[in-house]
Amino acid sequence: MVNVRSLARLVGAGAWFGAAVLNAQAAPQRASEDSLAPLKPLRRLVAVERPPMPFGNFFRGAPGTNSGTPMAFGASWGDVFVGAGYQNATRAVKLANGSWSSSGGGNNDDGSVSVGFGLGDPKDYLGLEVVATSLSTFRSGFGNRTAFSFQAHRLLDASTAIAVGVENAFIAGGGQTDGMPSTFVVATRQFNLSGSDFNLFQSVTVNGGVGNGRFRTLNDVNADNKTWNVFGSVGVTVTDWFAMSTDWTGQDLNVGVSFVPFKQFPVSISPTLADVTQTANKSARFVLGVGLGMHF
């Protein structure tokens, strides 16, 4: 039987999918991207407890409500998840003369694969989420460059959480990537709209925080300024199986959707348009994330 209490705090590996699979290129880039993207769709808060599903230890899938920014909800003891992501073009950098960098960016597609698990209890104490991501899977092969990320998180109530974490705390394997360590502090709140005057939608999830590393402005990244910057997202859950979101990553604006195609199998699929304002590429990049999670 599924642990429904755990579901109320799990933000499954799906909500992070929509973000750009973004730390995957082998060449060093001036602007970093999100290596945890393949996990984000599972990370959607399920604030309203649902009945157990009869499919082993799998929980009821939920669509993702962000695509490129961290969320404060995370996995706890017994939660595991896996995700894979693809982007049709890696992130380029617009140079001062108006041209675009060609080192690993702009034209090359790429992908990544992530696996993660939870420790602790964020409701009564503190939860810890641990994620390993195979970077540049298309370029260097699976597992040749692996980034490890960590997030400590705490539930303040059934729909509010805070967290502190480090993406790409260290990277194992040879060669260089654009996966710089990025520390962040974030808070997330879900507003349940069921039964309200706005019951066209189920809920709205608001997410915001500050971070360094990849969250800095493009100017600060190019100048190597050791600054912090704000990021945030707003996601709308339309139905049990479909959600929409928009994210500001500190550098790029992303828009995406997420859906759960199977009622009793927790696969989340999250297509996203990353950098719709064309900050770092001549056109928006297409990113696709797929994730699955379960509880032991």
Protein backbone atom coordinates (compact mmCIF):
# COMPACT_ATOMS: atom_id res chain seq x y z
CA MET A 1 0.00 0.00 0.00
CA VAL A 2 1.20 3.47 -0.83
CA ASN A 3 2.22 5.66 2.09
CA VAL A 4 -0.23 8.54 1.57
CA ARG A 5 1.45 10.63 4.27
CA SER A 6 4.62 10.48 2.24
CA LEU A 7 2.69 11.52 -0.85
CA ALA A 8 1.59 14.68 0.90
CA ARG A 9 5.18 15.84 1.01
CA LEU A 10 6.70 14.24 -2.06
CA VAL A 11 7.36 16.51 -4.95
CA GLY A 12 7.98 13.75 -7.40
CA ALA A 13 10.66 13.44 -9.96
CA GLY A 14 8.34 14.94 -12.43
CA ALA A 15 8.06 18.59 -11.60
CA TRP A 16 11.66 19.16 -12.31
CA PHE A 17 11.43 17.65 -15.73
CA GLY A 18 10.35 20.62 -17.63
CA ALA A 19 13.44 22.58 -16.82
CA ALA A 20 16.10 22.30 -19.41
CA VAL A 21 18.10 19.11 -19.12
CA LEU A 22 20.41 21.55 -18.77
CA ASN A 23 23.82 20.73 -17.51
CA ALA A 24 24.41 18.09 -20.04
CA GLN A 25 26.91 19.49 -22.46
CA ALA A 26 30.55 18.47 -22.39
CA ALA A 27 32.07 21.77 -23.46
CA PRO A 28 32.49 24.45 -20.77
CA GLN A 29 29.79 27.10 -21.18
CA ARG A 30 29.75 30.59 -19.73
CA ALA A 31 26.16 30.20 -18.57
CA SER A 32 25.04 27.20 -16.58
CA GLU A 33 21.78 25.30 -16.80
CA ASP A 34 19.73 23.01 -14.64
CA SER A 35 21.13 19.50 -14.26
CA LEU A 36 18.17 18.41 -12.17
CA ALA A 37 15.66 19.03 -14.91
CA PRO A 38 14.83 15.35 -15.40
CA LEU A 39 13.48 15.20 -11.88
CA LYS A 40 11.20 18.13 -11.65
CA PRO A 41 7.82 16.71 -12.68
CA LEU A 42 7.84 14.28 -9.78
CA ARG A 43 8.44 17.13 -7.43
CA ARG A 44 4.92 18.44 -7.53
CA LEU A 45 3.40 18.82 -4.09
CA VAL A 46 0.40 16.63 -3.44
CA ALA A 47 -1.05 18.66 -0.60
CA VAL A 48 -4.42 16.95 -0.62
CA GLU A 49 -4.13 13.34 0.41
CA ARG A 50 -5.41 10.86 -2.11
CA PRO A 51 -6.57 7.30 -1.58
CA PRO A 52 -3.94 4.57 -2.00
CA MET A 53 -3.60 3.21 -5.50
CA PRO A 54 -3.67 -0.53 -6.13
CA PHE A 55 -0.47 -0.57 -8.20
CA GLY A 56 2.15 -1.98 -5.86
CA ASN A 57 4.25 0.70 -4.20
CA PHE A 58 3.77 3.22 -6.98
CA PHE A 59 1.98 6.41 -6.01
CA ARG A 60 -0.58 8.26 -8.08
CA GLY A 61 1.34 10.35 -10.58
CA ALA A 62 1.00 14.13 -10.47
CA PRO A 63 1.85 16.69 -13.17
CA GLY A 64 4.75 19.03 -12.59
CA THR A 65 4.24 22.65 -11.56
CA ASN A 66 7.68 24.07 -12.34
CA SER A 67 10.30 23.74 -15.06
CA GLY A 68 13.73 25.09 -14.29
CA THR A 69 13.78 26.25 -10.67
CA PRO A 70 14.14 24.36 -7.38
CA MET A 71 11.09 23.65 -5.21
CA ALA A 72 11.07 23.41 -1.44
CA PHE A 73 9.15 20.15 -1.38
CA GLY A 74 11.38 17.10 -1.61
CA ALA A 75 11.62 13.36 -1.17
CA SER A 76 11.68 11.77 2.28
CA TRP A 77 12.55 8.35 3.69
CA GLY A 78 11.40 5.55 1.38
CA ASP A 79 10.88 7.75 -1.69
CA VAL A 80 12.90 7.00 -4.84
CA PHE A 81 12.61 8.41 -8.32
CA VAL A 82 14.25 8.34 -11.73
CA GLY A 83 14.03 10.70 -14.68
CA ALA A 84 15.44 11.31 -18.16
CA GLY A 85 15.56 14.53 -20.11
CA TYR A 86 16.28 15.71 -23.65
CA GLN A 87 16.88 19.15 -25.15
CA ASN A 88 17.08 19.89 -28.85
CA ALA A 89 19.86 22.49 -28.43
CA THR A 90 22.30 23.16 -25.64
CA ARG A 91 22.57 26.63 -24.20
CA ALA A 92 24.68 29.11 -26.18
CA VAL A 93 25.95 32.50 -25.02
CA LYS A 94 25.35 35.81 -26.78
CA LEU A 95 28.64 37.69 -27.05
CA ALA A 96 29.25 41.43 -26.71
CA ASN A 97 29.50 41.86 -30.48
CA GLY A 98 26.06 40.33 -30.93
CA SER A 99 27.29 36.98 -32.24
CA TRP A 100 26.66 33.65 -30.53
CA SER A 101 29.21 31.31 -29.01
CA SER A 102 29.61 28.00 -30.81
CA SER A 103 31.45 26.08 -28.08
CA GLY A 104 29.03 23.31 -27.24
CA GLY A 105 25.98 25.50 -27.53
CA GLY A 106 23.21 26.47 -29.86
CA ASN A 107 23.13 23.54 -32.30
CA ASN A 108 23.87 20.37 -30.33
CA ASP A 109 21.13 18.33 -28.76
CA ASP A 110 21.83 16.46 -25.55
CA GLY A 111 20.30 14.59 -22.66
CA SER A 112 20.73 13.51 -19.07
CA VAL A 113 19.52 10.81 -16.70
CA SER A 114 18.92 11.30 -12.97
CA VAL A 115 18.11 9.09 -10.03
CA GLY A 116 17.32 10.22 -6.50
CA PHE A 117 16.09 9.17 -3.08
CA GLY A 118 14.94 10.72 0.17
CA LEU A 119 16.08 10.48 3.78
CA GLY A 120 14.55 11.73 7.01
CA ASP A 121 11.09 13.14 7.77
CA PRO A 122 10.39 16.76 6.70
CA LYS A 123 7.10 16.87 8.58
CA ASP A 124 8.40 16.12 12.07
CA TYR A 125 12.12 16.82 11.63
CA LEU A 126 14.04 17.41 8.41
CA GLY A 127 14.14 15.70 5.02
CA LEU A 128 17.17 15.25 2.79
CA GLU A 129 16.97 14.63 -0.94
CA VAL A 130 19.98 13.17 -2.77
CA VAL A 131 20.20 13.19 -6.59
CA ALA A 132 22.82 11.77 -8.97
CA THR A 133 22.70 13.01 -12.59
CA SER A 134 24.57 11.61 -15.57
CA LEU A 135 25.58 14.73 -17.54
CA SER A 136 26.15 15.06 -21.27
CA THR A 137 24.75 11.59 -21.85
CA PHE A 138 24.72 12.03 -25.64
CA ARG A 139 28.24 13.47 -25.76
CA SER A 140 30.33 11.56 -23.27
CA GLY A 141 28.26 8.46 -22.54
CA PHE A 142 26.12 7.38 -19.62
CA GLY A 143 27.77 7.76 -16.22
CA ASN A 144 31.06 9.25 -17.44
CA ARG A 145 30.24 12.61 -15.85
CA THR A 146 28.01 12.39 -12.79
CA ALA A 147 26.85 15.34 -10.70
CA PHE A 148 25.61 14.97 -7.12
CA SER A 149 23.08 17.38 -5.65
CA PHE A 150 21.52 17.72 -2.19
CA GLN A 151 18.51 19.47 -0.70
CA ALA A 152 17.46 19.72 2.95
CA HIS A 153 13.78 20.57 3.31
CA ARG A 154 11.17 21.14 6.00
CA LEU A 155 7.37 21.16 5.84
CA LEU A 156 5.83 24.10 7.70
CA ASP A 157 2.31 22.79 7.10
CA ALA A 158 0.53 20.56 4.57
CA SER A 159 1.00 23.06 1.74
CA THR A 160 4.11 25.11 2.64
CA ALA A 161 7.77 24.16 2.72
CA ILE A 162 11.22 25.73 2.90
CA ALA A 163 14.52 24.28 1.72
CA VAL A 164 18.21 24.90 1.24
CA GLY A 165 20.28 22.97 -1.26
CA VAL A 166 23.29 22.70 -3.54
CA GLU A 167 23.02 21.62 -7.17
CA ASN A 168 26.15 20.00 -8.63
CA ALA A 169 27.86 19.99 -5.26
CA PHE A 170 30.56 17.89 -6.90
CA ILE A 171 31.01 16.23 -10.28
CA ALA A 172 32.72 12.88 -10.75
CA GLY A 173 34.40 11.97 -14.04
CA GLY A 174 36.79 13.57 -16.48
CA GLY A 175 36.41 16.61 -18.66
CA GLN A 176 34.58 19.86 -18.08
CA THR A 177 30.91 20.75 -18.00
CA ASP A 178 29.00 23.96 -17.35
CA GLY A 179 27.67 22.39 -14.16
CA MET A 180 28.91 24.86 -11.60
CA PRO A 181 27.91 24.35 -7.95
CA SER A 182 24.78 26.42 -7.23
CA THR A 183 23.54 27.03 -3.70
CA PHE A 184 19.95 28.12 -3.16
CA VAL A 185 17.31 28.89 -0.55
CA VAL A 186 13.68 28.45 -1.60
CA ALA A 187 10.11 28.52 -0.25
CA THR A 188 7.07 26.94 -1.90
CA ARG A 189 3.36 27.34 -1.19
CA GLN A 190 0.42 25.56 -2.78
CA PHE A 191 -3.00 27.19 -2.76
CA ASN A 192 -5.88 24.74 -3.04
CA LEU A 193 -8.67 26.18 -5.21
CA SER A 194 -11.09 23.27 -4.95
CA GLY A 195 -14.44 24.50 -3.68
CA SER A 196 -13.49 28.15 -4.16
CA ASP A 197 -14.78 30.71 -6.64
CA PHE A 198 -11.81 29.74 -8.82
CA ASN A 199 -12.62 26.04 -9.02
CA LEU A 200 -11.90 25.98 -12.72
CA PHE A 201 -8.45 24.96 -11.49
CA GLN A 202 -7.44 22.59 -8.70
CA SER A 203 -4.52 24.56 -7.26
CA VAL A 204 -1.84 27.18 -7.80
CA THR A 205 1.74 26.60 -6.66
CA VAL A 206 3.96 29.64 -6.02
CA ASN A 207 7.67 29.16 -5.64
CA GLY A 208 10.49 31.63 -5.00
CA GLY A 209 14.04 31.87 -3.74
CA VAL A 210 17.57 33.16 -4.14
CA GLY A 211 20.68 31.41 -5.37
CA ASN A 212 24.18 31.80 -6.77
CA GLY A 213 25.89 29.84 -9.55
CA ARG A 214 23.45 29.22 -12.39
CA PHE A 215 20.84 31.51 -10.83
CA ARG A 216 22.95 34.64 -11.40
CA THR A 217 22.20 37.10 -14.18
CA LEU A 218 23.93 36.47 -17.49
CA ASN A 219 26.08 39.58 -17.02
CA ASP A 220 27.25 38.36 -13.62
CA VAL A 221 28.03 34.91 -15.01
CA ASN A 222 30.04 36.37 -17.90
CA ALA A 223 31.93 38.68 -15.51
CA ASP A 224 32.35 35.87 -12.96
CA ASN A 225 30.77 38.02 -10.25
CA LYS A 226 30.10 36.06 -7.07
CA THR A 227 26.54 37.31 -6.66
CA TRP A 228 23.13 35.93 -5.72
CA ASN A 229 19.95 36.40 -7.72
CA VAL A 230 16.22 35.73 -7.40
CA PHE A 231 14.29 32.96 -9.16
CA GLY A 232 10.69 31.85 -9.05
CA SER A 233 7.84 29.99 -10.68
CA VAL A 234 4.05 29.81 -10.79
CA GLY A 235 2.27 26.57 -11.66
CA VAL A 236 -1.43 25.90 -12.18
CA THR A 237 -2.81 22.40 -11.73
CA VAL A 238 -5.82 22.19 -14.03
CA THR A 239 -6.77 18.54 -13.43
CA ASP A 240 -5.31 15.49 -11.71
CA TRP A 241 -3.37 14.78 -14.87
CA PHE A 242 -2.51 18.18 -16.40
CA ALA A 243 -0.68 21.32 -15.23
CA MET A 244 0.90 24.46 -16.72
CA SER A 245 3.83 26.49 -15.41
CA THR A 246 6.14 29.42 -16.05
CA ASP A 247 9.59 29.86 -14.48
CA TRP A 248 12.15 32.60 -14.17
CA THR A 249 15.50 30.87 -13.58
CA GLY A 250 17.48 34.04 -12.90
CA GLN A 251 18.59 34.09 -16.55
CA ASP A 252 15.80 32.60 -18.67
CA LEU A 253 12.03 32.53 -18.88
CA ASN A 254 10.58 29.03 -19.38
CA VAL A 255 7.01 27.97 -20.11
CA GLY A 256 5.79 24.41 -20.04
CA VAL A 257 3.08 21.87 -19.44
CA SER A 258 3.10 18.54 -17.66
CA PHE A 259 0.75 15.59 -17.84
CA VAL A 260 0.28 12.11 -16.41
CA PRO A 261 -0.95 9.82 -19.22
CA PHE A 262 -1.77 6.79 -17.05
CA LYS A 263 -4.11 6.92 -14.09
CA GLN A 264 -2.49 4.14 -12.09
CA PHE A 265 1.14 4.45 -13.16
CA PRO A 266 3.18 7.48 -12.00
CA VAL A 267 4.89 8.56 -15.22
CA SER A 268 5.03 12.32 -15.70
CA ILE A 269 5.81 13.82 -19.11
CA SER A 270 6.79 17.48 -19.26
CA PRO A 271 7.53 19.33 -22.51
CA THR A 272 8.93 22.83 -22.02
CA LEU A 273 10.06 25.80 -24.09
CA ALA A 274 13.18 27.13 -22.39
CA ASP A 275 14.51 30.67 -22.83
CA VAL A 276 11.45 32.00 -24.66
CA THR A 277 12.95 35.51 -24.48
CA GLN A 278 16.02 34.26 -26.40
CA THR A 279 18.54 35.38 -23.82
CA ALA A 280 21.11 32.75 -24.78
CA ASN A 281 19.95 31.27 -28.09
CA LYS A 282 18.55 32.54 -31.37
CA SER A 283 15.31 30.73 -30.59
CA ALA A 284 13.64 29.01 -27.66
CA ARG A 285 14.89 25.51 -26.90
CA PHE A 286 12.61 22.49 -26.67
CA VAL A 287 13.08 20.36 -23.57
CA LEU A 288 11.33 17.10 -22.74
CA GLY A 289 11.43 15.36 -19.38
CA VAL A 290 10.01 12.01 -18.28
CA GLY A 291 10.02 10.73 -14.72
CA LEU A 292 8.77 7.99 -12.44
CA GLY A 293 8.68 7.68 -8.67
CA MET A 294 7.67 5.21 -5.98
CA HIS A 295 7.69 4.67 -2.23
CA PHE A 296 9.10 1.63 -0.43
